PDB file of N, CA and C in Angstrom:
ATOM      1  N   MET A   1      -4.365  -1.398   2.077  1.00  0.00           N
ATOM      2  CA  MET A   1      -3.158  -2.131   1.701  1.00  0.00           C
ATOM      3  C   MET A   1      -2.338  -1.298   0.727  1.00  0.00           C
ATOM      4  N   ILE A   2      -1.068  -1.202   0.980  1.00  0.00           N
ATOM      5  CA  ILE A   2      -0.153  -0.465   0.120  1.00  0.00           C
ATOM      6  C   ILE A   2       0.520  -1.454  -0.827  1.00  0.00           C
ATOM      7  N   GLU A   3       0.520  -1.123  -2.100  1.00  0.00           N
ATOM      8  CA  GLU A   3       1.127  -1.989  -3.113  1.00  0.00           C
ATOM      9  C   GLU A   3       2.648  -2.050  -2.949  1.00  0.00           C
ATOM     10  N   LYS A   4       3.231  -3.216  -3.212  1.00  0.00           N
ATOM     11  CA  LYS A   4       4.675  -3.392  -3.104  1.00  0.00           C
ATOM     12  C   LYS A   4       5.420  -2.459  -4.049  1.00  0.00           C
ATOM     13  N   ASP A   5       4.892  -2.231  -5.242  1.00  0.00           N
ATOM     14  CA  ASP A   5       5.546  -1.335  -6.194  1.00  0.00           C
ATOM     15  C   ASP A   5       5.686   0.077  -5.625  1.00  0.00           C
ATOM     16  N   LEU A   6       4.669   0.527  -4.893  1.00  0.00           N
ATOM     17  CA  LEU A   6       4.725   1.845  -4.275  1.00  0.00           C
ATOM     18  C   LEU A   6       5.744   1.856  -3.140  1.00  0.00           C
ATOM     19  N   LEU A   7       5.742   0.825  -2.312  1.00  0.00           N
ATOM     20  CA  LEU A   7       6.715   0.746  -1.216  1.00  0.00           C
ATOM     21  C   LEU A   7       8.150   0.771  -1.731  1.00  0.00           C
ATOM     22  N   ASP A   8       8.373   0.158  -2.881  1.00  0.00           N
ATOM     23  CA  ASP A   8       9.716   0.094  -3.452  1.00  0.00           C
ATOM     24  C   ASP A   8      10.250   1.471  -3.844  1.00  0.00           C
ATOM     25  N   ILE A   9       9.372   2.418  -4.152  1.00  0.00           N
ATOM     26  CA  ILE A   9       9.846   3.740  -4.577  1.00  0.00           C
ATOM     27  C   ILE A   9       9.753   4.800  -3.482  1.00  0.00           C
ATOM     28  N   LEU A  10       9.025   4.515  -2.401  1.00  0.00           N
ATOM     29  CA  LEU A  10       8.906   5.494  -1.322  1.00  0.00           C
ATOM     30  C   LEU A  10      10.173   5.549  -0.485  1.00  0.00           C
ATOM     31  N   ALA A  11      10.476   6.742   0.014  1.00  0.00           N
ATOM     32  CA  ALA A  11      11.601   6.934   0.918  1.00  0.00           C
ATOM     33  C   ALA A  11      11.199   7.954   1.978  1.00  0.00           C
ATOM     34  N   CYS A  12      11.801   7.854   3.135  1.00  0.00           N
ATOM     35  CA  CYS A  12      11.548   8.801   4.211  1.00  0.00           C
ATOM     36  C   CYS A  12      11.991  10.196   3.749  1.00  0.00           C
ATOM     37  N   PRO A  13      11.135  11.202   3.872  1.00  0.00           N
ATOM     38  CA  PRO A  13      11.512  12.540   3.424  1.00  0.00           C
ATOM     39  C   PRO A  13      12.569  13.195   4.322  1.00  0.00           C
ATOM     40  N   VAL A  14      12.802  12.641   5.504  1.00  0.00           N
ATOM     41  CA  VAL A  14      13.775  13.222   6.430  1.00  0.00           C
ATOM     42  C   VAL A  14      15.169  12.651   6.193  1.00  0.00           C
ATOM     43  N   CYS A  15      15.287  11.317   6.204  1.00  0.00           N
ATOM     44  CA  CYS A  15      16.614  10.691   6.115  1.00  0.00           C
ATOM     45  C   CYS A  15      16.841   9.899   4.819  1.00  0.00           C
ATOM     46  N   ARG A  16      15.802   9.775   4.003  1.00  0.00           N
ATOM     47  CA  ARG A  16      15.849   9.032   2.729  1.00  0.00           C
ATOM     48  C   ARG A  16      15.970   7.535   2.908  1.00  0.00           C
ATOM     49  N   GLY A  17      15.651   7.043   4.115  1.00  0.00           N
ATOM     50  CA  GLY A  17      15.687   5.612   4.374  1.00  0.00           C
ATOM     51  C   GLY A  17      14.518   4.888   3.721  1.00  0.00           C
ATOM     52  N   GLY A  18      14.628   3.577   3.642  1.00  0.00           N
ATOM     53  CA  GLY A  18      13.570   2.756   3.080  1.00  0.00           C
ATOM     54  C   GLY A  18      12.338   2.735   3.974  1.00  0.00           C
ATOM     55  N   ILE A  19      11.222   2.346   3.406  1.00  0.00           N
ATOM     56  CA  ILE A  19       9.935   2.358   4.106  1.00  0.00           C
ATOM     57  C   ILE A  19       9.383   0.939   4.211  1.00  0.00           C
ATOM     58  N   ARG A  20       8.814   0.631   5.376  1.00  0.00           N
ATOM     59  CA  ARG A  20       8.180  -0.668   5.622  1.00  0.00           C
ATOM     60  C   ARG A  20       6.711  -0.405   5.979  1.00  0.00           C
ATOM     61  N   TYR A  21       5.825  -1.244   5.477  1.00  0.00           N
ATOM     62  CA  TYR A  21       4.394  -1.108   5.747  1.00  0.00           C
ATOM     63  C   TYR A  21       4.033  -1.855   7.015  1.00  0.00           C
ATOM     64  N   ASP A  22       3.403  -1.166   7.958  1.00  0.00           N
ATOM     65  CA  ASP A  22       2.932  -1.755   9.211  1.00  0.00           C
ATOM     66  C   ASP A  22       1.418  -1.887   9.098  1.00  0.00           C
ATOM     67  N   ALA A  23       0.954  -3.045   8.631  1.00  0.00           N
ATOM     68  CA  ALA A  23      -0.473  -3.257   8.359  1.00  0.00           C
ATOM     69  C   ALA A  23      -1.367  -3.104   9.584  1.00  0.00           C
ATOM     70  N   PRO A  24      -1.026  -3.698  10.739  1.00  0.00           N
ATOM     71  CA  PRO A  24      -1.923  -3.562  11.894  1.00  0.00           C
ATOM     72  C   PRO A  24      -2.102  -2.104  12.345  1.00  0.00           C
ATOM     73  N   GLU A  25      -1.051  -1.305  12.228  1.00  0.00           N
ATOM     74  CA  GLU A  25      -1.107   0.099  12.646  1.00  0.00           C
ATOM     75  C   GLU A  25      -1.564   1.026  11.522  1.00  0.00           C
ATOM     76  N   GLU A  26      -1.598   0.518  10.287  1.00  0.00           N
ATOM     77  CA  GLU A  26      -1.918   1.334   9.114  1.00  0.00           C
ATOM     78  C   GLU A  26      -0.985   2.547   9.028  1.00  0.00           C
ATOM     79  N   LYS A  27       0.324   2.256   9.125  1.00  0.00           N
ATOM     80  CA  LYS A  27       1.341   3.302   9.048  1.00  0.00           C
ATOM     81  C   LYS A  27       2.504   2.798   8.214  1.00  0.00           C
ATOM     82  N   LEU A  28       3.296   3.739   7.719  1.00  0.00           N
ATOM     83  CA  LEU A  28       4.548   3.424   7.047  1.00  0.00           C
ATOM     84  C   LEU A  28       5.665   3.803   7.997  1.00  0.00           C
ATOM     85  N   THR A  29       6.630   2.910   8.165  1.00  0.00           N
ATOM     86  CA  THR A  29       7.718   3.138   9.101  1.00  0.00           C
ATOM     87  C   THR A  29       9.038   3.177   8.361  1.00  0.00           C
ATOM     88  N   CYS A  30       9.861   4.189   8.670  1.00  0.00           N
ATOM     89  CA  CYS A  30      11.193   4.292   8.086  1.00  0.00           C
ATOM     90  C   CYS A  30      12.097   3.284   8.772  1.00  0.00           C
ATOM     91  N   VAL A  31      12.794   2.478   7.985  1.00  0.00           N
ATOM     92  CA  VAL A  31      13.673   1.460   8.561  1.00  0.00           C
ATOM     93  C   VAL A  31      14.966   2.064   9.101  1.00  0.00           C
ATOM     94  N   SER A  32      15.278   3.306   8.740  1.00  0.00           N
ATOM     95  CA  SER A  32      16.503   3.952   9.217  1.00  0.00           C
ATOM     96  C   SER A  32      16.286   4.772  10.480  1.00  0.00           C
ATOM     97  N   CYS A  33      15.371   5.741  10.426  1.00  0.00           N
ATOM     98  CA  CYS A  33      15.194   6.655  11.563  1.00  0.00           C
ATOM     99  C   CYS A  33      13.997   6.300  12.446  1.00  0.00           C
ATOM    100  N   GLY A  34      13.119   5.410  11.979  1.00  0.00           N
ATOM    101  CA  GLY A  34      12.002   4.946  12.787  1.00  0.00           C
ATOM    102  C   GLY A  34      10.755   5.820  12.767  1.00  0.00           C
ATOM    103  N   ARG A  35      10.780   6.916  12.014  1.00  0.00           N
ATOM    104  CA  ARG A  35       9.568   7.752  11.942  1.00  0.00           C
ATOM    105  C   ARG A  35       8.433   6.953  11.329  1.00  0.00           C
ATOM    106  N   ARG A  36       7.205   7.211  11.831  1.00  0.00           N
ATOM    107  CA  ARG A  36       6.015   6.522  11.335  1.00  0.00           C
ATOM    108  C   ARG A  36       5.098   7.534  10.670  1.00  0.00           C
ATOM    109  N   TYR A  37       4.733   7.231   9.443  1.00  0.00           N
ATOM    110  CA  TYR A  37       3.885   8.120   8.643  1.00  0.00           C
ATOM    111  C   TYR A  37       2.489   7.521   8.513  1.00  0.00           C
ATOM    112  N   PRO A  38       1.464   8.343   8.692  1.00  0.00           N
ATOM    113  CA  PRO A  38       0.093   7.834   8.621  1.00  0.00           C
ATOM    114  C   PRO A  38      -0.340   7.553   7.182  1.00  0.00           C
ATOM    115  N   ILE A  39      -1.369   6.732   7.080  1.00  0.00           N
ATOM    116  CA  ILE A  39      -2.034   6.467   5.806  1.00  0.00           C
ATOM    117  C   ILE A  39      -3.477   6.906   5.992  1.00  0.00           C
ATOM    118  N   ARG A  40      -3.924   7.845   5.166  1.00  0.00           N
ATOM    119  CA  ARG A  40      -5.293   8.347   5.259  1.00  0.00           C
ATOM    120  C   ARG A  40      -6.006   8.119   3.931  1.00  0.00           C
ATOM    121  N   ASP A  41      -7.151   7.478   3.994  1.00  0.00           N
ATOM    122  CA  ASP A  41      -7.927   7.176   2.781  1.00  0.00           C
ATOM    123  C   ASP A  41      -7.061   6.482   1.732  1.00  0.00           C
ATOM    124  N   ASP A  42      -6.247   5.526   2.192  1.00  0.00           N
ATOM    125  CA  ASP A  42      -5.347   4.735   1.342  1.00  0.00           C
ATOM    126  C   ASP A  42      -4.246   5.554   0.688  1.00  0.00           C
ATOM    127  N   ILE A  43      -3.947   6.749   1.215  1.00  0.00           N
ATOM    128  CA  ILE A  43      -2.896   7.609   0.673  1.00  0.00           C
ATOM    129  C   ILE A  43      -1.843   7.829   1.753  1.00  0.00           C
ATOM    130  N   PRO A  44      -0.578   7.477   1.473  1.00  0.00           N
ATOM    131  CA  PRO A  44       0.484   7.732   2.442  1.00  0.00           C
ATOM    132  C   PRO A  44       0.704   9.241   2.604  1.00  0.00           C
ATOM    133  N   VAL A  45       0.769   9.693   3.846  1.00  0.00           N
ATOM    134  CA  VAL A  45       1.025  11.103   4.134  1.00  0.00           C
ATOM    135  C   VAL A  45       2.495  11.207   4.547  1.00  0.00           C
ATOM    136  N   MET A  46       3.354  11.453   3.571  1.00  0.00           N
ATOM    137  CA  MET A  46       4.799  11.448   3.780  1.00  0.00           C
ATOM    138  C   MET A  46       5.314  12.861   4.030  1.00  0.00           C
ATOM    139  N   LEU A  47       4.809  13.491   5.078  1.00  0.00           N
ATOM    140  CA  LEU A  47       5.230  14.830   5.461  1.00  0.00           C
ATOM    141  C   LEU A  47       5.925  14.752   6.815  1.00  0.00           C
ATOM    142  N   GLU A  48       7.056  15.432   6.955  1.00  0.00           N
ATOM    143  CA  GLU A  48       7.809  15.387   8.207  1.00  0.00           C
ATOM    144  C   GLU A  48       6.959  15.808   9.398  1.00  0.00           C
ATOM    145  N   GLU A  49       6.144  16.843   9.228  1.00  0.00           N
ATOM    146  CA  GLU A  49       5.332  17.336  10.342  1.00  0.00           C
ATOM    147  C   GLU A  49       4.196  16.385  10.731  1.00  0.00           C
ATOM    148  N   GLU A  50       3.858  15.425   9.881  1.00  0.00           N
ATOM    149  CA  GLU A  50       2.814  14.442  10.180  1.00  0.00           C
ATOM    150  C   GLU A  50       3.389  13.164  10.807  1.00  0.00           C
ATOM    151  N   ALA A  51       4.702  13.019  10.795  1.00  0.00           N
ATOM    152  CA  ALA A  51       5.344  11.784  11.261  1.00  0.00           C
ATOM    153  C   ALA A  51       5.335  11.703  12.781  1.00  0.00           C
ATOM    154  N   GLU A  52       5.204  10.471  13.280  1.00  0.00           N
ATOM    155  CA  GLU A  52       5.380  10.193  14.702  1.00  0.00           C
ATOM    156  C   GLU A  52       6.849   9.830  14.891  1.00  0.00           C
ATOM    157  N   LEU A  53       7.462  10.419  15.891  1.00  0.00           N
ATOM    158  CA  LEU A  53       8.854  10.108  16.182  1.00  0.00           C
ATOM    159  C   LEU A  53       8.941   8.764  16.881  1.00  0.00           C
ATOM    160  N   PRO A  54      10.081   8.092  16.756  1.00  0.00           N
ATOM    161  CA  PRO A  54      10.257   6.802  17.435  1.00  0.00           C
ATOM    162  C   PRO A  54      10.027   6.945  18.935  1.00  0.00           C
ATOM    163  N   GLY A  55       9.332   5.982  19.514  1.00  0.00           N
ATOM    164  CA  GLY A  55       9.067   5.997  20.941  1.00  0.00           C
ATOM    165  C   GLY A  55       7.870   6.819  21.346  1.00  0.00           C
ATOM    166  N   ARG A  56       7.218   7.446  20.396  1.00  0.00           N
ATOM    167  CA  ARG A  56       6.018   8.233  20.679  1.00  0.00           C
ATOM    168  C   ARG A  56       4.861   7.710  19.844  1.00  0.00           C
ATOM    169  N   SER A  57       3.668   7.887  20.338  1.00  0.00           N
ATOM    170  CA  SER A  57       2.475   7.524  19.564  1.00  0.00           C
ATOM    171  C   SER A  57       1.409   8.555  19.832  1.00  0.00           C
ATOM    172  N   THR A  58       0.448   8.649  18.911  1.00  0.00           N
ATOM    173  CA  THR A  58      -0.629   9.617  19.068  1.00  0.00           C
ATOM    174  C   THR A  58      -1.913   8.928  19.424  1.00  0.00           C
TER     175      THR A  58
END
């Protein structure tokens, strides 16, 4: 679970859009560009090269 305080300060490193927590997928999703960032060991991995592009999944 990602704390709301952390979500409030996170931004997409690509477009600077806001971030939404997707609990069932355990990912963070940018509300602007749709990139999905993984969460590993309860740590958000906010790297462009780790992001899933919209419409794609791994």
